[in-house]
């Protein structure tokens, strides 16, 4: 039974960080030169022992989870259990599944890297070769543990208006809940942490802030009653309000005091989208009150605004029985900003996800994410302070997304105790369907004198656009976030603009309807497949926007003003 429960997580900010670059070869220490710590200090005797050499490393890198009350189901406190746990521990370290760090070394630097370097892994290998010797407890020296900055108490907590009961009769349920936390003034959220009531059953929690001009759409989704839970399949709230936070199973990046924040327009309501996953067959009836803790910044301290852009492949195709189903997609993001974090996401058949920024007009690439996928250990990978990963959609940069799946019989999920048969799998919300996405969080400089609202900052960006540049307005919408872009995209083809530019809008809309990846890559459709038609349409529509002739088309997009 130990094999399937051997999980661990390292201490955030530990010194066992593998530098970026080509993965290093495993050294083979000699019996007289055994590395006993990350610093490479040689042992004074030939045998590697638990108490002197291995125990300090386990406490440094594994005890965060393998402790009483931790997420791991056992501790390493009893040396008598090492005859069972020792071989499993060494195997997990050699396979690099412990600590659970799936981000590949040669991609980019990551804040809070949990991986063990090669000399540290070699200590475990040598311990196994020496017969898992316990040694003398008097030789044990407690390791110096790194200081981890903990966030202060949250400024506010958003609870759902009332407790809710998910439907767990099947493997999945998507529930949306509205909070009654008031937002009388514009709020800037610098850090957020979901607190699932039942984390063992929660696949993810996404928190949105729906601005007042979009409340009508939210009420329609909630069937007119915002005090009750409502189904949230296909994440419809994503398109009507900025994303505040995404919680997934696994450790979060370390807390960092930065002056970055997500803008929450005054009068917004917080909505929690909770995905319950119960393929294990427990199917309990429970009451839930999942909440979101929020840390805020006063406006005068905000330096950068954060916004989430998912790079998504909705067209994935995973044939039954295929052990290496590779899906590739290139996405054009309407963004000119710096990357803050990446957060890859797949389901149970996923094995690998890679995201690259390919520079416009060249073959040069910047790695963003490269993970050996583990559904149980999902994580947000932060760019360290002092490191810059830039993206310029207006200069031709694109995102290359690759997702690989194993749909063979041996890799099928077990539902209610029964291993499933391979079947053709496509995109879907259920954990038994699949996904291929990387949530990319970007930061843009905050301008307190610019427009506010869901599209805050658009006006100053737009004023810097050349009048004859049809794509600059899209970048300005994108820099305000995915919800602003979705609202602005719809408004650009609103009744006023489309009717006054009828000759240009009809062929353009017909072209967009035929675009292969409109849902995943609407900016790319307008830029490439329908580029000439889009440029003709903008030559007609943009003067109407600048003059305010069609301002009513944009009323649902607060801050989207010339």
Protein backbone atom coordinates (compact mmCIF):
# COMPACT_ATOMS: atom_id res chain seq x y z
CA UNK A 1 0.00 0.00 0.00
CA UNK A 2 2.92 2.37 0.60
CA UNK A 3 3.77 2.69 -3.08
CA UNK A 4 0.71 4.69 -4.01
CA UNK A 5 0.75 6.93 -0.96
CA UNK A 6 4.39 8.00 -1.13
CA UNK A 7 4.04 11.70 -1.82
CA UNK A 8 6.03 14.66 -0.63
CA UNK A 9 6.61 18.30 -1.25
CA UNK A 10 9.76 20.29 -0.69
CA UNK A 11 10.21 23.41 1.33
CA UNK A 12 9.60 26.50 -0.77
CA UNK A 13 12.75 28.47 -1.32
CA UNK A 14 15.01 25.54 -0.45
CA UNK A 15 18.61 25.47 -1.52
CA UNK A 16 18.17 22.31 -3.55
CA UNK A 17 17.44 24.20 -6.71
CA UNK A 18 18.51 22.80 -10.04
CA UNK A 19 19.72 25.62 -12.30
CA UNK A 20 18.17 26.06 -15.69
CA UNK A 21 19.96 24.52 -18.62
CA UNK A 22 20.66 20.98 -19.77
CA UNK A 23 19.72 18.47 -17.03
CA UNK A 24 22.85 17.52 -15.10
CA UNK A 25 24.13 13.93 -15.06
CA UNK A 26 23.83 11.97 -11.84
CA UNK A 27 27.21 11.86 -10.04
CA UNK A 28 28.33 8.58 -8.51
CA UNK A 29 29.96 9.36 -5.17
CA UNK A 30 32.73 7.09 -4.01
CA UNK A 31 32.48 5.50 -0.56
CA UNK A 32 35.06 7.92 0.82
CA UNK A 33 33.50 11.04 -0.68
CA UNK A 34 29.80 10.93 0.13
CA UNK A 35 27.90 14.21 -0.22
CA UNK A 36 25.80 14.76 2.89
CA UNK A 37 24.03 18.02 2.11
CA UNK A 38 23.20 20.50 -0.62
CA UNK A 39 26.49 22.22 0.15
CA UNK A 40 28.45 19.14 -0.89
CA UNK A 41 30.14 18.54 2.47
CA UNK A 42 31.90 15.13 2.37
CA UNK A 43 31.21 12.53 5.04
CA UNK A 44 33.95 11.48 7.42
CA UNK A 45 33.17 7.75 7.16
CA UNK A 46 32.44 5.50 4.24
CA UNK A 47 28.84 4.54 5.04
CA UNK A 48 25.93 6.84 4.36
CA UNK A 49 23.41 6.68 7.22
CA UNK A 50 19.88 7.82 7.89
CA UNK A 51 20.56 9.92 10.96
CA UNK A 52 23.68 11.73 9.76
CA UNK A 53 23.09 12.11 6.02
CA UNK A 54 19.54 11.39 4.88
CA UNK A 55 17.32 12.52 7.75
CA UNK A 56 18.44 16.19 7.56
CA UNK A 57 17.63 16.24 3.82
CA UNK A 58 14.20 14.67 4.40
CA UNK A 59 13.44 17.28 7.06
CA UNK A 60 14.63 20.06 4.79
CA UNK A 61 12.79 19.01 1.65
CA UNK A 62 9.95 16.68 2.65
CA UNK A 63 8.69 17.54 6.12
CA UNK A 64 6.42 20.32 4.87
CA UNK A 65 3.98 17.61 3.78
CA UNK A 66 5.22 14.54 5.67
CA UNK A 67 4.35 15.88 9.10
CA UNK A 68 1.50 15.39 11.54
CA UNK A 69 -1.50 17.11 9.98
CA UNK A 70 0.25 17.54 6.62
CA UNK A 71 -1.18 16.57 3.25
CA UNK A 72 0.97 13.42 3.06
CA UNK A 73 -0.53 10.34 4.76
CA UNK A 74 2.52 9.41 6.84
CA UNK A 75 5.67 10.82 8.44
CA UNK A 76 9.29 9.66 8.57
CA UNK A 77 9.45 10.01 12.35
CA UNK A 78 9.75 6.30 13.18
CA UNK A 79 13.08 4.78 12.03
CA UNK A 80 11.58 1.31 12.49
CA UNK A 81 9.44 1.90 9.39
CA UNK A 82 12.43 2.68 7.16
CA UNK A 83 12.80 -0.95 6.10
CA UNK A 84 9.56 -0.38 4.17
CA UNK A 85 9.72 3.35 3.47
CA UNK A 86 13.46 3.58 2.69
CA UNK A 87 13.41 1.80 -0.71
CA UNK A 88 10.26 3.68 -1.73
CA UNK A 89 11.79 6.98 -0.66
CA UNK A 90 14.97 6.37 -2.67
CA UNK A 91 13.01 5.21 -5.70
CA UNK A 92 10.84 8.34 -5.63
CA UNK A 93 13.90 10.59 -5.37
CA UNK A 94 15.71 8.78 -8.19
CA UNK A 95 12.61 9.01 -10.40
CA UNK A 96 12.37 12.70 -9.48
CA UNK A 97 8.75 12.29 -8.40
CA UNK A 98 9.69 13.35 -4.88
CA UNK A 99 9.59 16.16 -4.01
CA UNK A 100 6.71 16.59 -6.49
CA UNK A 101 8.26 18.99 -8.97
CA UNK A 102 7.37 18.32 -12.58
CA UNK A 103 8.76 21.51 -14.14
CA UNK A 104 11.74 20.64 -16.34
CA UNK A 105 15.10 22.11 -15.47
CA UNK A 106 15.97 23.40 -18.92
CA UNK A 107 12.84 25.56 -19.39
CA UNK A 108 13.25 28.74 -17.31
CA UNK A 109 13.89 29.92 -13.77
CA UNK A 110 10.99 29.45 -11.37
CA UNK A 111 10.42 31.10 -8.01
CA UNK A 112 10.18 28.49 -5.25
CA UNK A 113 11.78 25.61 -7.15
CA UNK A 114 11.27 22.41 -5.11
CA UNK A 115 13.54 20.12 -7.13
CA UNK A 116 16.60 18.41 -5.67
CA UNK A 117 19.99 18.97 -7.28
CA UNK A 118 22.10 16.02 -8.46
CA UNK A 119 24.49 15.88 -5.44
CA UNK A 120 21.50 15.82 -3.08
CA UNK A 121 19.82 13.01 -5.01
CA UNK A 122 23.11 11.11 -4.92
CA UNK A 123 22.97 10.96 -1.12
CA UNK A 124 19.80 8.85 -1.34
CA UNK A 125 21.32 6.61 -4.01
CA UNK A 126 24.40 5.97 -1.89
CA UNK A 127 22.28 5.33 1.21
CA UNK A 128 20.50 2.57 -0.71
CA UNK A 129 23.82 1.12 -1.89
CA UNK A 130 25.00 1.07 1.74
CA UNK A 131 21.99 -0.97 2.82
CA UNK A 132 19.79 1.81 4.25
CA UNK A 133 21.93 2.04 7.38
CA UNK A 134 20.37 3.88 10.33
CA UNK A 135 23.65 4.96 11.92
CA UNK A 136 23.98 6.66 15.29
CA UNK A 137 21.28 9.15 16.27
CA UNK A 138 23.99 11.18 18.02
CA UNK A 139 25.37 11.99 14.56
CA UNK A 140 22.17 13.82 13.61
CA UNK A 141 22.48 17.57 13.13
CA UNK A 142 19.28 19.49 12.52
CA UNK A 143 19.37 21.25 9.14
CA UNK A 144 19.09 24.97 8.80
CA UNK A 145 15.65 25.42 7.30
CA UNK A 146 15.05 28.33 4.93
CA UNK A 147 12.85 31.15 6.10
CA UNK A 148 9.55 31.13 4.24
CA UNK A 149 7.64 34.40 4.18
CA UNK A 150 4.07 33.80 5.23
CA UNK A 151 1.34 36.23 4.18
CA UNK A 152 -0.16 38.39 6.92
CA UNK A 153 -3.80 37.82 7.86
CA UNK A 154 -6.12 38.38 4.90
CA UNK A 155 -7.68 41.84 4.59
CA UNK A 156 -11.11 40.46 3.65
CA UNK A 157 -12.72 37.07 3.09
CA UNK A 158 -15.42 36.46 0.48
CA UNK A 159 -17.90 33.77 1.50
CA UNK A 160 -20.81 32.51 -0.61
CA UNK A 161 -24.12 34.10 0.36
CA UNK A 162 -25.24 30.77 1.78
CA UNK A 163 -23.81 27.26 2.12
CA UNK A 164 -24.34 25.02 -0.88
CA UNK A 165 -24.69 21.34 -1.68
CA UNK A 166 -22.93 19.99 -4.79
CA UNK A 167 -24.42 17.11 -6.74
CA UNK A 168 -21.92 14.28 -6.27
CA UNK A 169 -24.06 11.51 -7.73
CA UNK A 170 -21.63 11.45 -10.68
CA UNK A 171 -17.89 12.02 -11.06
CA UNK A 172 -18.09 15.82 -11.46
CA UNK A 173 -20.12 18.89 -10.60
CA UNK A 174 -19.48 22.53 -11.52
CA UNK A 175 -21.06 25.02 -9.10
CA UNK A 176 -20.96 28.81 -9.11
CA UNK A 177 -21.63 30.84 -5.97
CA UNK A 178 -21.99 34.57 -5.49
CA UNK A 179 -20.47 36.30 -2.47
CA UNK A 180 -22.16 39.13 -0.62
CA UNK A 181 -18.83 40.86 0.13
CA UNK A 182 -19.45 44.52 -0.77
CA UNK A 183 -17.06 46.36 -3.10
CA UNK A 184 -18.12 50.00 -2.74
CA UNK A 185 -14.86 51.34 -4.18
CA UNK A 186 -12.34 50.08 -6.69
CA UNK A 187 -10.29 47.31 -5.06
CA UNK A 188 -6.81 46.04 -5.91
CA UNK A 189 -6.18 42.39 -4.97
CA UNK A 190 -2.47 41.57 -4.65
CA UNK A 191 -2.82 38.00 -3.31
CA UNK A 192 -5.66 35.53 -3.00
CA UNK A 193 -6.06 32.09 -1.47
CA UNK A 194 -9.11 29.87 -1.88
CA UNK A 195 -10.09 27.84 1.18
CA UNK A 196 -11.99 24.79 -0.10
CA UNK A 197 -14.20 23.25 2.57
CA UNK A 198 -13.52 19.78 1.14
CA UNK A 199 -10.16 19.97 -0.69
CA UNK A 200 -10.06 16.20 -1.18
CA UNK A 201 -13.06 16.54 -3.53
CA UNK A 202 -12.19 19.83 -5.24
CA UNK A 203 -10.59 19.89 -8.70
CA UNK A 204 -10.27 23.67 -8.83
CA UNK A 205 -11.67 26.96 -7.55
CA UNK A 206 -11.68 29.98 -9.85
CA UNK A 207 -12.67 33.36 -8.45
CA UNK A 208 -14.03 36.13 -10.67
CA UNK A 209 -15.10 39.73 -10.07
CA UNK A 210 -18.17 40.62 -12.15
CA UNK A 211 -18.52 44.40 -12.65
CA UNK A 212 -21.92 46.10 -12.24
CA UNK A 213 -22.54 46.52 -15.98
CA UNK A 214 -22.36 42.73 -16.37
CA UNK A 215 -24.68 41.81 -13.48
CA UNK A 216 -27.59 41.29 -15.86
CA UNK A 217 -25.67 38.52 -17.59
CA UNK A 218 -24.70 37.01 -14.26
CA UNK A 219 -28.33 37.01 -13.12
CA UNK A 220 -29.31 35.25 -16.35
CA UNK A 221 -26.71 32.54 -15.64
CA UNK A 222 -28.12 32.23 -12.10
CA UNK A 223 -31.71 32.03 -13.39
CA UNK A 224 -32.55 35.30 -11.68
CA UNK A 225 -31.45 34.36 -8.14
CA UNK A 226 -27.91 35.28 -7.13
CA UNK A 227 -28.43 33.93 -3.60
CA UNK A 228 -28.52 30.33 -4.85
CA UNK A 229 -25.85 28.11 -6.35
CA UNK A 230 -26.11 27.61 -10.11
CA UNK A 231 -24.49 25.25 -12.65
CA UNK A 232 -21.22 26.56 -14.03
CA UNK A 233 -20.23 24.11 -16.76
CA UNK A 234 -18.01 25.62 -19.50
CA UNK A 235 -16.97 28.48 -17.14
CA UNK A 236 -19.38 31.13 -18.49
CA UNK A 237 -18.39 33.73 -15.85
CA UNK A 238 -14.89 33.87 -17.35
CA UNK A 239 -16.16 36.10 -20.14
CA UNK A 240 -17.97 38.70 -18.00
CA UNK A 241 -15.45 39.58 -15.29
CA UNK A 242 -11.71 39.52 -14.55
CA UNK A 243 -10.16 36.38 -13.07
CA UNK A 244 -8.91 37.01 -9.53
CA UNK A 245 -7.40 33.65 -8.58
CA UNK A 246 -7.13 30.01 -9.70
CA UNK A 247 -6.75 27.38 -6.98
CA UNK A 248 -5.66 23.85 -7.96
CA UNK A 249 -4.44 20.83 -5.97
CA UNK A 250 -0.79 21.12 -5.05
CA UNK A 251 1.48 23.72 -3.45
CA UNK A 252 1.31 27.38 -4.40
CA UNK A 253 4.27 29.61 -5.25
CA UNK A 254 5.84 31.40 -2.29
CA UNK A 255 4.20 34.55 -1.01
CA UNK A 256 6.10 37.60 -2.24
CA UNK A 257 5.56 41.22 -1.26
CA UNK A 258 5.08 42.92 -4.63
CA UNK A 259 3.17 45.94 -5.83
CA UNK A 260 1.22 43.94 -8.41
CA UNK A 261 -2.56 43.57 -8.15
CA UNK A 262 -5.73 42.61 -10.00
CA UNK A 263 -8.17 45.49 -10.48
CA UNK A 264 -11.67 44.88 -9.12
CA UNK A 265 -14.11 47.54 -10.40
CA UNK A 266 -16.28 49.33 -7.86
CA UNK A 267 -19.67 47.65 -7.42
CA UNK A 268 -18.39 44.22 -8.51
CA UNK A 269 -19.54 40.96 -6.99
CA UNK A 270 -17.20 38.03 -6.39
CA UNK A 271 -18.16 34.70 -7.93
CA UNK A 272 -16.55 31.39 -6.95
CA UNK A 273 -16.54 28.62 -9.54
CA UNK A 274 -15.96 25.30 -7.74
CA UNK A 275 -15.35 22.07 -9.65
CA UNK A 276 -15.98 18.98 -7.52
CA UNK A 277 -14.41 15.72 -8.62
CA UNK A 278 -15.47 12.40 -7.05
CA UNK A 279 -14.30 9.69 -9.43
CA UNK A 280 -13.21 7.68 -6.39
CA UNK A 281 -16.84 6.78 -5.79
CA UNK A 282 -17.36 8.27 -2.32
CA UNK A 283 -20.42 10.29 -3.44
CA UNK A 284 -21.13 11.98 -0.13
CA UNK A 285 -23.95 14.38 0.59
CA UNK A 286 -22.31 17.43 2.07
CA UNK A 287 -22.74 21.11 2.77
CA UNK A 288 -19.93 23.35 1.55
CA UNK A 289 -18.87 26.91 2.31
CA UNK A 290 -15.71 27.33 0.25
CA UNK A 291 -14.33 30.87 0.63
CA UNK A 292 -11.62 33.09 -0.85
CA UNK A 293 -9.20 35.12 1.25
CA UNK A 294 -8.08 38.41 -0.29
CA UNK A 295 -5.09 40.63 0.39
CA UNK A 296 -5.39 44.15 -1.01
CA UNK A 297 -3.24 47.15 -1.82
CA UNK A 298 -4.19 50.82 -1.61
CA UNK A 299 -4.26 52.39 -5.07
CA UNK A 300 -1.28 54.63 -4.38
CA UNK A 301 0.94 51.55 -3.82
CA UNK A 302 -0.03 49.69 -7.00
CA UNK A 303 2.72 49.61 -9.63
CA UNK A 304 1.47 46.91 -12.02
CA UNK A 305 -1.87 45.36 -12.88
CA UNK A 306 -2.19 41.59 -13.29
CA UNK A 307 -4.46 39.91 -15.82
CA UNK A 308 -4.96 36.27 -16.77
CA UNK A 309 -4.88 35.06 -20.36
CA UNK A 310 -5.47 31.33 -20.95
CA UNK A 311 -3.68 29.82 -23.94
CA UNK A 312 -6.19 27.11 -24.86
CA UNK A 313 -6.58 24.35 -27.45
CA UNK A 314 -10.30 23.53 -27.59
CA UNK A 315 -9.76 21.26 -30.58
CA UNK A 316 -7.77 18.46 -28.92
CA UNK A 317 -8.28 14.95 -30.34
CA UNK A 318 -7.19 11.91 -28.33
CA UNK A 319 -7.98 8.60 -30.11
CA UNK A 320 -8.84 5.54 -28.04
CA UNK A 321 -5.80 3.36 -27.36
CA UNK A 322 -3.26 6.00 -28.45
CA UNK A 323 -0.39 6.02 -25.94
CA UNK A 324 1.25 9.19 -27.29
CA UNK A 325 -1.43 11.52 -28.63
CA UNK A 326 0.28 14.83 -29.45
CA UNK A 327 -1.80 17.99 -29.94
CA UNK A 328 -0.16 21.23 -31.11
CA UNK A 329 -1.66 24.70 -31.49
CA UNK A 330 -0.28 28.18 -32.10
CA UNK A 331 -2.16 30.99 -30.36
CA UNK A 332 -1.90 34.73 -30.97
CA UNK A 333 -2.51 36.63 -27.74
CA UNK A 334 -3.50 40.33 -28.01
CA UNK A 335 -1.07 41.32 -25.27
CA UNK A 336 2.06 43.45 -24.90
CA UNK A 337 3.23 42.72 -21.35
CA UNK A 338 5.58 40.78 -19.08
CA UNK A 339 4.80 37.26 -17.89
CA UNK A 340 4.28 36.91 -14.13
CA UNK A 341 3.21 33.25 -13.80
CA UNK A 342 2.17 30.23 -15.84
CA UNK A 343 -0.24 27.55 -14.67
CA UNK A 344 -0.57 24.51 -16.97
CA UNK A 345 -3.75 22.45 -16.81
CA UNK A 346 -4.81 19.04 -18.13
CA UNK A 347 -6.86 16.14 -16.80
CA UNK A 348 -6.22 12.46 -16.07
CA UNK A 349 -4.86 11.32 -19.45
CA UNK A 350 -2.31 14.14 -19.73
CA UNK A 351 1.40 13.31 -19.59
CA UNK A 352 3.19 16.43 -20.85
CA UNK A 353 2.45 20.10 -21.47
CA UNK A 354 4.81 22.55 -23.14
CA UNK A 355 4.31 26.28 -23.75
CA UNK A 356 6.74 28.43 -25.73
CA UNK A 357 6.76 32.07 -26.79
CA UNK A 358 8.01 32.22 -30.38
CA UNK A 359 9.32 35.64 -31.29
CA UNK A 360 7.78 37.43 -34.24
CA UNK A 361 9.71 37.22 -37.46
CA UNK A 362 12.21 34.69 -36.11
CA UNK A 363 12.61 31.13 -34.93
CA UNK A 364 13.84 32.10 -31.45
CA UNK A 365 11.83 30.72 -28.55
CA UNK A 366 11.36 31.44 -24.85
CA UNK A 367 10.21 28.50 -22.72
CA UNK A 368 7.24 29.35 -20.52
CA UNK A 369 6.08 25.96 -19.19
CA UNK A 370 7.44 22.44 -19.61
CA UNK A 371 5.93 19.90 -17.22
CA UNK A 372 5.65 16.16 -16.87
CA UNK A 373 1.98 16.34 -15.99
CA UNK A 374 0.70 15.07 -12.63
CA UNK A 375 -3.00 15.68 -12.02
CA UNK A 376 -2.55 15.51 -8.25
CA UNK A 377 0.28 18.06 -8.10
CA UNK A 378 -0.74 21.11 -10.07
CA UNK A 379 1.07 24.36 -9.53
CA UNK A 380 1.46 27.97 -10.58
CA UNK A 381 5.04 28.69 -11.72
CA UNK A 382 6.13 32.24 -10.93
CA UNK A 383 8.84 34.18 -12.74
CA UNK A 384 11.44 35.23 -10.13
CA UNK A 385 11.96 38.89 -9.41
CA UNK A 386 14.70 40.30 -11.63
CA UNK A 387 13.91 37.88 -14.48
CA UNK A 388 11.94 39.17 -17.49
CA UNK A 389 9.83 37.07 -19.83
CA UNK A 390 8.26 39.49 -22.30
CA UNK A 391 5.47 38.94 -24.81
CA UNK A 392 4.64 41.36 -27.64
CA UNK A 393 1.61 40.32 -29.65
CA UNK A 394 1.84 43.54 -31.65
CA UNK A 395 5.37 42.55 -32.75
CA UNK A 396 4.29 39.14 -34.02
CA UNK A 397 4.99 37.03 -30.91
CA UNK A 398 2.89 33.85 -30.67
CA UNK A 399 2.37 31.09 -28.10
CA UNK A 400 3.07 27.50 -29.16
CA UNK A 401 1.13 25.07 -27.00
CA UNK A 402 1.72 21.30 -26.99
CA UNK A 403 -0.25 18.76 -24.95
CA UNK A 404 0.53 15.03 -24.92
CA UNK A 405 -1.82 12.31 -23.66
CA UNK A 406 -1.68 8.60 -22.90
CA UNK A 407 -5.05 7.05 -23.81
CA UNK A 408 -3.84 3.45 -23.65
CA UNK A 409 -5.69 0.78 -21.66
CA UNK A 410 -3.07 0.84 -18.91
CA UNK A 411 -3.47 4.59 -18.32
CA UNK A 412 -7.26 4.77 -17.89
CA UNK A 413 -8.78 6.37 -14.78
CA UNK A 414 -10.53 4.26 -12.17
CA UNK A 415 -14.13 5.37 -11.53
CA UNK A 416 -16.06 3.88 -8.60
CA UNK A 417 -13.41 1.17 -8.38
CA UNK A 418 -13.62 0.18 -12.07
CA UNK A 419 -10.85 0.93 -14.57
CA UNK A 420 -12.38 2.55 -17.63
CA UNK A 421 -12.06 1.30 -21.20
CA UNK A 422 -10.23 3.53 -23.72
CA UNK A 423 -12.52 5.78 -25.75
CA UNK A 424 -12.06 8.74 -28.07
CA UNK A 425 -11.60 11.81 -25.87
CA UNK A 426 -12.00 15.50 -26.74
CA UNK A 427 -12.18 18.78 -24.84
CA UNK A 428 -14.66 18.84 -21.97
CA UNK A 429 -15.24 20.00 -18.40
CA UNK A 430 -15.52 16.57 -16.80
CA UNK A 431 -12.37 15.05 -15.34
CA UNK A 432 -13.03 12.13 -17.70
CA UNK A 433 -12.80 14.52 -20.64
CA UNK A 434 -9.56 16.41 -21.29
CA UNK A 435 -8.18 19.93 -21.38
CA UNK A 436 -5.10 21.60 -22.84
CA UNK A 437 -4.43 25.04 -21.44
CA UNK A 438 -1.87 27.24 -19.75
CA UNK A 439 -3.18 30.11 -17.65
CA UNK A 440 -0.69 32.91 -18.33
CA UNK A 441 -0.71 35.83 -15.92
CA UNK A 442 0.78 39.03 -17.30
CA UNK A 443 1.64 42.33 -15.64
CA UNK A 444 1.22 45.77 -17.21
CA UNK A 445 2.20 49.13 -15.69
CA UNK A 446 -0.61 50.75 -13.70
CA UNK A 447 -1.67 54.26 -14.70
CA UNK A 448 -3.90 55.77 -11.98
CA UNK A 449 -4.97 58.64 -14.27
CA UNK A 450 -6.36 56.30 -16.95
CA UNK A 451 -9.93 55.03 -17.24
CA UNK A 452 -11.28 52.67 -14.60
CA UNK A 453 -13.60 49.68 -14.75
CA UNK A 454 -13.28 46.27 -16.37
CA UNK A 455 -11.31 47.82 -19.27
CA UNK A 456 -9.45 50.29 -17.09
CA UNK A 457 -6.37 51.78 -18.77
CA UNK A 458 -7.69 51.25 -22.29
CA UNK A 459 -8.06 54.96 -23.04
CA UNK A 460 -4.41 55.93 -22.51
CA UNK A 461 -3.22 52.89 -24.45
CA UNK A 462 -5.62 53.69 -27.30
CA UNK A 463 -4.54 57.32 -27.46
CA UNK A 464 -1.02 56.11 -28.30
CA UNK A 465 -2.29 54.01 -31.24
CA UNK A 466 -1.71 55.22 -34.78
CA UNK A 467 -5.12 56.12 -36.33
CA UNK A 468 -4.54 53.71 -39.21
CA UNK A 469 -3.43 50.75 -37.03
CA UNK A 470 -6.37 48.30 -36.98
CA UNK A 471 -4.79 45.94 -34.45
CA UNK A 472 -3.58 48.33 -31.75
CA UNK A 473 -7.10 48.65 -30.23
CA UNK A 474 -7.16 44.86 -29.79
CA UNK A 475 -3.83 44.96 -27.92
CA UNK A 476 -5.18 47.71 -25.67
CA UNK A 477 -8.26 45.60 -24.89
CA UNK A 478 -6.08 42.54 -24.28
CA UNK A 479 -3.79 44.44 -21.92
CA UNK A 480 -6.86 45.13 -19.78
CA UNK A 481 -7.54 41.39 -19.52
CA UNK A 482 -9.40 38.54 -21.16
CA UNK A 483 -12.83 39.67 -19.93
CA UNK A 484 -12.29 43.15 -21.39
CA UNK A 485 -11.15 41.66 -24.68
CA UNK A 486 -14.21 39.37 -24.83
CA UNK A 487 -16.50 42.32 -24.14
CA UNK A 488 -14.70 44.58 -26.63
CA UNK A 489 -14.65 41.89 -29.32
CA UNK A 490 -18.44 41.62 -29.11
CA UNK A 491 -18.85 45.40 -28.97
CA UNK A 492 -16.71 45.96 -32.10
CA UNK A 493 -19.33 44.05 -34.08
CA UNK A 494 -22.28 45.63 -32.27
CA UNK A 495 -25.44 46.78 -34.01
CA UNK A 496 -24.28 50.37 -34.58
CA UNK A 497 -20.82 49.64 -36.00
CA UNK A 498 -21.87 46.59 -38.03
CA UNK A 499 -24.83 48.35 -39.62
CA UNK A 500 -22.98 51.57 -40.45
CA UNK A 501 -20.11 49.52 -41.92
CA UNK A 502 -22.38 46.92 -43.49
CA UNK A 503 -20.39 46.44 -46.68
CA UNK A 504 -17.27 45.66 -44.66
CA UNK A 505 -18.86 43.72 -41.78
CA UNK A 506 -20.77 41.11 -43.78
CA UNK A 507 -17.76 39.47 -45.51
CA UNK A 508 -15.64 39.82 -42.38
CA UNK A 509 -18.18 38.09 -40.13
CA UNK A 510 -18.59 35.36 -42.74
CA UNK A 511 -14.81 34.84 -42.76
CA UNK A 512 -14.59 34.74 -38.96
CA UNK A 513 -17.37 32.16 -38.84
CA UNK A 514 -15.19 29.84 -40.94
CA UNK A 515 -12.00 30.40 -38.98
CA UNK A 516 -10.70 27.09 -37.63
CA UNK A 517 -9.68 28.34 -34.19
CA UNK A 518 -11.95 31.34 -33.54
CA UNK A 519 -12.67 30.30 -29.94
CA UNK A 520 -9.01 29.60 -29.12
CA UNK A 521 -7.45 32.33 -31.27
CA UNK A 522 -9.83 35.12 -32.26
CA UNK A 523 -6.96 37.61 -32.46
CA UNK A 524 -5.10 35.33 -34.87
CA UNK A 525 -8.23 34.94 -37.01
CA UNK A 526 -8.54 38.70 -37.37
CA UNK A 527 -4.81 39.08 -37.88
CA UNK A 528 -4.20 36.31 -40.43
CA UNK A 529 -7.08 34.34 -41.96
CA UNK A 530 -9.34 37.41 -42.18
CA UNK A 531 -6.65 40.10 -42.00
CA UNK A 532 -7.49 42.13 -45.12
CA UNK A 533 -11.23 42.08 -44.38
CA UNK A 534 -10.59 43.10 -40.77
CA UNK A 535 -8.41 46.01 -41.86
CA UNK A 536 -11.16 47.22 -44.21
CA UNK A 537 -13.73 46.97 -41.44
CA UNK A 538 -11.58 48.85 -38.92
CA UNK A 539 -11.00 51.65 -41.44
CA UNK A 540 -14.76 52.21 -41.26
CA UNK A 541 -15.50 51.30 -37.63
CA UNK A 542 -12.65 52.99 -35.75
CA UNK A 543 -13.60 56.57 -36.70
CA UNK A 544 -17.10 55.80 -35.37
CA UNK A 545 -15.57 54.63 -32.10
CA UNK A 546 -13.27 57.63 -31.75
CA UNK A 547 -16.10 60.08 -32.45
CA UNK A 548 -18.46 58.36 -29.97
CA UNK A 549 -21.00 57.63 -32.69
CA UNK A 550 -21.39 54.00 -31.59
CA UNK A 551 -20.65 54.42 -27.87
CA UNK A 552 -23.79 52.47 -26.94
CA UNK A 553 -22.19 49.31 -28.35
CA UNK A 554 -19.51 49.61 -25.65
CA UNK A 555 -21.66 50.41 -22.59
CA UNK A 556 -21.17 46.92 -21.13
CA UNK A 557 -17.37 47.38 -21.20
CA UNK A 558 -16.59 49.94 -18.50
CA UNK A 559 -13.41 51.88 -19.22
CA UNK A 560 -13.39 51.02 -22.93
CA UNK A 561 -13.49 54.61 -24.11
CA UNK A 562 -11.28 56.49 -26.64
